[in-house]
Amino acid sequence: AQEVFTGWQQDQAKQQMLSFLATGTPFNGVWTSGIDNVIVDALVESQAPLVPVVGADNAGFVGQLSSVKGLVGAAVTNPGSIGGAGVTLALQILDGKKPAQQTVLVDPQLWDNA
């Protein structure tokens, strides 16, 4: 596994992916958070084998999942801010603070575009 920080800059993310592809290091997939479409662009432009890509549910990436032949992946409707809120809540619970209320909104949905 490899992790890089892109600074949320699409051009930087694409360049990092192209640099990684140039190493020839094998990998089985890519998990992104909002920079997904340029990762797919890098895979296509470098003619690298397509691997599963997970990203955000933005229009560019969702369109690629439907239009790029051989691309498989998942568009997640769970923005990073939700993860941050979860960490905050977890830290509060670990400190012995009980949440004021409990709301569970879990209704995951999966679609197959094939």
C-alpha atoms as a PDB file:
ATOM      1  CA  ALA A   1       0.000   0.000   0.000  1.00  0.00           C
ATOM      2  CA  GLN A   2       1.100   3.521  -0.697  1.00  0.00           C
ATOM      3  CA  GLU A   3      -0.390   6.760   0.535  1.00  0.00           C
ATOM      4  CA  VAL A   4       0.246  10.236  -0.836  1.00  0.00           C
ATOM      5  CA  PHE A   5      -1.038  13.680   0.074  1.00  0.00           C
ATOM      6  CA  THR A   6      -2.277  15.662  -2.900  1.00  0.00           C
ATOM      7  CA  GLY A   7      -3.317  18.843  -1.144  1.00  0.00           C
ATOM      8  CA  TRP A   8      -6.665  18.453  -2.928  1.00  0.00           C
ATOM      9  CA  GLN A   9      -4.951  19.677  -6.104  1.00  0.00           C
ATOM     10  CA  GLN A  10      -6.133  17.777  -9.152  1.00  0.00           C
ATOM     11  CA  ASP A  11      -3.029  18.505 -11.232  1.00  0.00           C
ATOM     12  CA  GLN A  12      -0.783  17.373  -8.378  1.00  0.00           C
ATOM     13  CA  ALA A  13      -2.833  14.209  -7.875  1.00  0.00           C
ATOM     14  CA  LYS A  14      -2.630  13.325 -11.548  1.00  0.00           C
ATOM     15  CA  GLN A  15       1.129  13.913 -11.627  1.00  0.00           C
ATOM     16  CA  GLN A  16       1.620  11.775  -8.516  1.00  0.00           C
ATOM     17  CA  MET A  17      -0.381   8.974 -10.115  1.00  0.00           C
ATOM     18  CA  LEU A  18       1.586   9.230 -13.359  1.00  0.00           C
ATOM     19  CA  SER A  19       4.850   9.140 -11.377  1.00  0.00           C
ATOM     20  CA  PHE A  20       3.666   6.096  -9.440  1.00  0.00           C
ATOM     21  CA  LEU A  21       2.624   4.333 -12.647  1.00  0.00           C
ATOM     22  CA  ALA A  22       6.083   5.008 -14.103  1.00  0.00           C
ATOM     23  CA  THR A  23       7.677   3.003 -11.262  1.00  0.00           C
ATOM     24  CA  GLY A  24       6.040  -0.179 -12.511  1.00  0.00           C
ATOM     25  CA  THR A  25       5.028  -1.111  -8.967  1.00  0.00           C
ATOM     26  CA  PRO A  26       2.043  -3.470  -9.160  1.00  0.00           C
ATOM     27  CA  PHE A  27      -1.164  -2.406  -7.418  1.00  0.00           C
ATOM     28  CA  ASN A  28      -4.702  -3.739  -7.257  1.00  0.00           C
ATOM     29  CA  GLY A  29      -6.786  -0.602  -6.836  1.00  0.00           C
ATOM     30  CA  VAL A  30      -6.946   3.062  -5.887  1.00  0.00           C
ATOM     31  CA  TRP A  31      -8.944   4.679  -3.079  1.00  0.00           C
ATOM     32  CA  THR A  32      -9.410   8.421  -3.441  1.00  0.00           C
ATOM     33  CA  SER A  33     -11.413  11.134  -1.797  1.00  0.00           C
ATOM     34  CA  GLY A  34     -12.461  13.724  -4.323  1.00  0.00           C
ATOM     35  CA  ILE A  35      -9.625  13.540  -6.858  1.00  0.00           C
ATOM     36  CA  ASP A  36     -10.839  10.371  -8.505  1.00  0.00           C
ATOM     37  CA  ASN A  37     -11.472  11.581 -12.055  1.00  0.00           C
ATOM     38  CA  VAL A  38      -7.842  12.626 -12.614  1.00  0.00           C
ATOM     39  CA  ILE A  39      -6.664   9.243 -11.325  1.00  0.00           C
ATOM     40  CA  VAL A  40      -8.773   7.606 -14.020  1.00  0.00           C
ATOM     41  CA  ASP A  41      -7.402  10.119 -16.543  1.00  0.00           C
ATOM     42  CA  ALA A  42      -3.845   9.120 -15.574  1.00  0.00           C
ATOM     43  CA  LEU A  43      -4.622   5.409 -15.906  1.00  0.00           C
ATOM     44  CA  VAL A  44      -6.181   5.915 -19.336  1.00  0.00           C
ATOM     45  CA  GLU A  45      -3.511   8.311 -20.653  1.00  0.00           C
ATOM     46  CA  SER A  46      -0.656   6.058 -19.535  1.00  0.00           C
ATOM     47  CA  GLN A  47      -2.421   3.019 -21.001  1.00  0.00           C
ATOM     48  CA  ALA A  48      -1.971   1.241 -17.671  1.00  0.00           C
ATOM     49  CA  PRO A  49      -4.235  -1.693 -16.881  1.00  0.00           C
ATOM     50  CA  LEU A  50      -7.411  -0.419 -15.277  1.00  0.00           C
ATOM     51  CA  VAL A  51      -7.829  -1.330 -11.621  1.00  0.00           C
ATOM     52  CA  PRO A  52     -10.848  -0.682  -9.403  1.00  0.00           C
ATOM     53  CA  VAL A  53     -11.083   2.952  -8.301  1.00  0.00           C
ATOM     54  CA  VAL A  54     -13.118   4.194  -5.350  1.00  0.00           C
ATOM     55  CA  GLY A  55     -13.939   7.867  -5.194  1.00  0.00           C
ATOM     56  CA  ALA A  56     -16.503  10.511  -4.392  1.00  0.00           C
ATOM     57  CA  ASP A  57     -19.842  10.819  -6.111  1.00  0.00           C
ATOM     58  CA  ASN A  58     -18.841  13.814  -8.224  1.00  0.00           C
ATOM     59  CA  ALA A  59     -20.086  14.159 -11.783  1.00  0.00           C
ATOM     60  CA  GLY A  60     -16.728  13.616 -13.480  1.00  0.00           C
ATOM     61  CA  PHE A  61     -15.956  10.334 -11.756  1.00  0.00           C
ATOM     62  CA  VAL A  62     -19.501   8.991 -11.946  1.00  0.00           C
ATOM     63  CA  GLY A  63     -19.465   9.735 -15.677  1.00  0.00           C
ATOM     64  CA  GLN A  64     -16.181   7.867 -16.064  1.00  0.00           C
ATOM     65  CA  LEU A  65     -17.614   4.819 -14.306  1.00  0.00           C
ATOM     66  CA  SER A  66     -20.259   4.739 -17.027  1.00  0.00           C
ATOM     67  CA  SER A  67     -18.127   5.717 -20.015  1.00  0.00           C
ATOM     68  CA  VAL A  68     -14.580   4.350 -19.593  1.00  0.00           C
ATOM     69  CA  LYS A  69     -14.583   0.844 -20.980  1.00  0.00           C
ATOM     70  CA  GLY A  70     -13.250  -1.679 -18.466  1.00  0.00           C
ATOM     71  CA  LEU A  71     -13.311   0.694 -15.493  1.00  0.00           C
ATOM     72  CA  VAL A  72     -14.908  -0.651 -12.337  1.00  0.00           C
ATOM     73  CA  GLY A  73     -15.233   1.135  -9.065  1.00  0.00           C
ATOM     74  CA  ALA A  74     -17.483   2.762  -6.555  1.00  0.00           C
ATOM     75  CA  ALA A  75     -18.679   6.307  -6.049  1.00  0.00           C
ATOM     76  CA  VAL A  76     -19.108   6.903  -2.335  1.00  0.00           C
ATOM     77  CA  THR A  77     -21.662   9.405  -1.067  1.00  0.00           C
ATOM     78  CA  ASN A  78     -19.852   9.921   2.193  1.00  0.00           C
ATOM     79  CA  PRO A  79     -17.789  13.108   2.188  1.00  0.00           C
ATOM     80  CA  GLY A  80     -14.658  13.424   4.265  1.00  0.00           C
ATOM     81  CA  SER A  81     -16.443  15.729   6.691  1.00  0.00           C
ATOM     82  CA  ILE A  82     -18.508  12.753   7.848  1.00  0.00           C
ATOM     83  CA  GLY A  83     -15.325  10.901   8.769  1.00  0.00           C
ATOM     84  CA  GLY A  84     -14.147  13.931  10.727  1.00  0.00           C
ATOM     85  CA  ALA A  85     -17.448  14.121  12.574  1.00  0.00           C
ATOM     86  CA  GLY A  86     -17.148  10.414  13.371  1.00  0.00           C
ATOM     87  CA  VAL A  87     -13.658  10.860  14.815  1.00  0.00           C
ATOM     88  CA  THR A  88     -14.850  13.812  16.905  1.00  0.00           C
ATOM     89  CA  LEU A  89     -17.739  11.770  18.266  1.00  0.00           C
ATOM     90  CA  ALA A  90     -15.482   8.787  18.967  1.00  0.00           C
ATOM     91  CA  LEU A  91     -13.060  10.978  20.928  1.00  0.00           C
ATOM     92  CA  GLN A  92     -15.926  12.430  22.947  1.00  0.00           C
ATOM     93  CA  ILE A  93     -17.182   8.936  23.779  1.00  0.00           C
ATOM     94  CA  LEU A  94     -13.670   7.824  24.753  1.00  0.00           C
ATOM     95  CA  ASP A  95     -13.551  10.824  27.103  1.00  0.00           C
ATOM     96  CA  GLY A  96     -16.726   9.524  28.764  1.00  0.00           C
ATOM     97  CA  LYS A  97     -19.043  12.119  27.242  1.00  0.00           C
ATOM     98  CA  LYS A  98     -22.372  10.672  26.179  1.00  0.00           C
ATOM     99  CA  PRO A  99     -23.833  12.048  22.937  1.00  0.00           C
ATOM    100  CA  ALA A 100     -26.888  14.260  23.456  1.00  0.00           C
ATOM    101  CA  GLN A 101     -28.819  12.202  20.949  1.00  0.00           C
ATOM    102  CA  GLN A 102     -28.381   9.180  18.756  1.00  0.00           C
ATOM    103  CA  THR A 103     -29.395   9.213  15.125  1.00  0.00           C
ATOM    104  CA  VAL A 104     -28.724   6.279  12.852  1.00  0.00           C
ATOM    105  CA  LEU A 105     -29.118   6.901   9.142  1.00  0.00           C
ATOM    106  CA  VAL A 106     -27.785   3.809   7.472  1.00  0.00           C
ATOM    107  CA  ASP A 107     -29.354   2.746   4.233  1.00  0.00           C
ATOM    108  CA  PRO A 108     -26.448   1.821   1.955  1.00  0.00           C
ATOM    109  CA  GLN A 109     -27.262   1.427  -1.708  1.00  0.00           C
ATOM    110  CA  LEU A 110     -25.269  -0.367  -4.377  1.00  0.00           C
ATOM    111  CA  TRP A 111     -25.829  -0.103  -8.103  1.00  0.00           C
ATOM    112  CA  ASP A 112     -24.314  -2.058 -10.947  1.00  0.00           C
ATOM    113  CA  ASN A 113     -23.909   0.032 -14.080  1.00  0.00           C
ATOM    114  CA  ALA A 114     -23.205  -2.988 -16.251  1.00  0.00           C
END
